[in-house]
Amino acid sequence: MANLFEQNRNYVLGDSELDLIGDRDKLAQWRHKNMGPAFYKLGRKIIYRGEDLNAWAECPSSGFLAPKAA
């Protein structure tokens, strides 16, 4: 499957590419509930790595790219 995100790039809140998986509030909810893609904190900045975003998107339990049951 083609990668949605560049593997070697870091994404921060406000990057338009993150809108593919959810808005800023949705990502904050997922972080609070320990759901969603892996993230890192650098001071007050939230960072998502491209390879983590791709791994999460391809994981069937994420429900993001999983086929819908008919």
Protein backbone atom coordinates (compact mmCIF):
# COMPACT_ATOMS: atom_id res chain seq x y z
CA MET A 1 0.00 0.00 0.00
CA ALA A 2 1.21 3.50 -0.77
CA ASN A 3 2.25 5.60 2.19
CA LEU A 4 0.03 8.55 3.06
CA PHE A 5 2.85 10.35 4.84
CA GLU A 6 6.55 10.81 4.11
CA GLN A 7 8.40 8.20 6.15
CA ASN A 8 11.32 10.40 7.25
CA ARG A 9 9.39 13.57 8.00
CA ASN A 10 8.13 14.93 11.30
CA TYR A 11 4.65 16.46 11.37
CA VAL A 12 3.46 19.03 13.91
CA LEU A 13 -0.02 20.26 14.73
CA GLY A 14 -1.07 22.71 12.06
CA ASP A 15 0.44 20.73 9.17
CA SER A 16 -2.27 20.30 6.57
CA GLU A 17 -1.32 16.65 6.03
CA LEU A 18 -2.55 15.78 9.53
CA ASP A 19 -6.05 16.87 8.48
CA LEU A 20 -6.23 13.54 6.61
CA ILE A 21 -6.63 11.67 9.88
CA GLY A 22 -8.45 14.21 12.02
CA ASP A 23 -8.68 17.81 13.11
CA ARG A 24 -6.69 19.29 16.00
CA ASP A 25 -9.45 18.50 18.54
CA LYS A 26 -9.77 14.87 17.41
CA LEU A 27 -6.01 14.36 17.70
CA ALA A 28 -6.08 15.90 21.19
CA GLN A 29 -8.87 13.51 22.23
CA TRP A 30 -6.92 10.53 20.93
CA ARG A 31 -3.77 11.61 22.78
CA HIS A 32 -5.76 12.01 26.01
CA LYS A 33 -7.31 8.54 25.61
CA ASN A 34 -4.02 6.92 24.50
CA MET A 35 -5.54 6.16 21.11
CA GLY A 36 -4.49 7.19 17.62
CA PRO A 37 -0.99 7.38 16.19
CA ALA A 38 2.14 7.53 18.34
CA PHE A 39 3.30 11.03 19.19
CA TYR A 40 6.19 12.72 20.92
CA LYS A 41 6.39 15.89 22.97
CA LEU A 42 9.23 18.35 22.62
CA GLY A 43 8.51 20.94 25.25
CA ARG A 44 4.95 22.01 24.47
CA LYS A 45 5.15 20.92 20.83
CA ILE A 46 3.44 17.69 19.68
CA ILE A 47 5.33 15.79 16.98
CA TYR A 48 4.13 12.89 14.82
CA ARG A 49 6.67 10.88 12.81
CA GLY A 50 5.67 9.93 9.28
CA GLU A 51 6.53 6.27 9.76
CA ASP A 52 4.35 6.12 12.91
CA LEU A 53 1.45 7.76 11.07
CA ASN A 54 1.71 5.26 8.20
CA ALA A 55 1.94 2.30 10.58
CA TRP A 56 -1.13 3.50 12.47
CA ALA A 57 -3.12 4.14 9.28
CA GLU A 58 -2.40 0.64 7.98
CA CYS A 59 -3.21 -1.10 11.27
CA PRO A 60 -6.60 -2.85 11.02
CA SER A 61 -7.48 -1.99 14.63
CA SER A 62 -7.19 1.75 13.87
CA GLY A 63 -10.17 1.48 11.54
CA PHE A 64 -8.67 4.20 9.37
CA LEU A 65 -7.93 2.22 6.19
CA ALA A 66 -9.64 -1.00 7.19
CA PRO A 67 -12.32 -2.15 4.74
CA LYS A 68 -15.88 -1.56 5.90
CA ALA A 69 -18.02 -4.63 6.53
CA ALA A 70 -20.85 -4.99 4.05
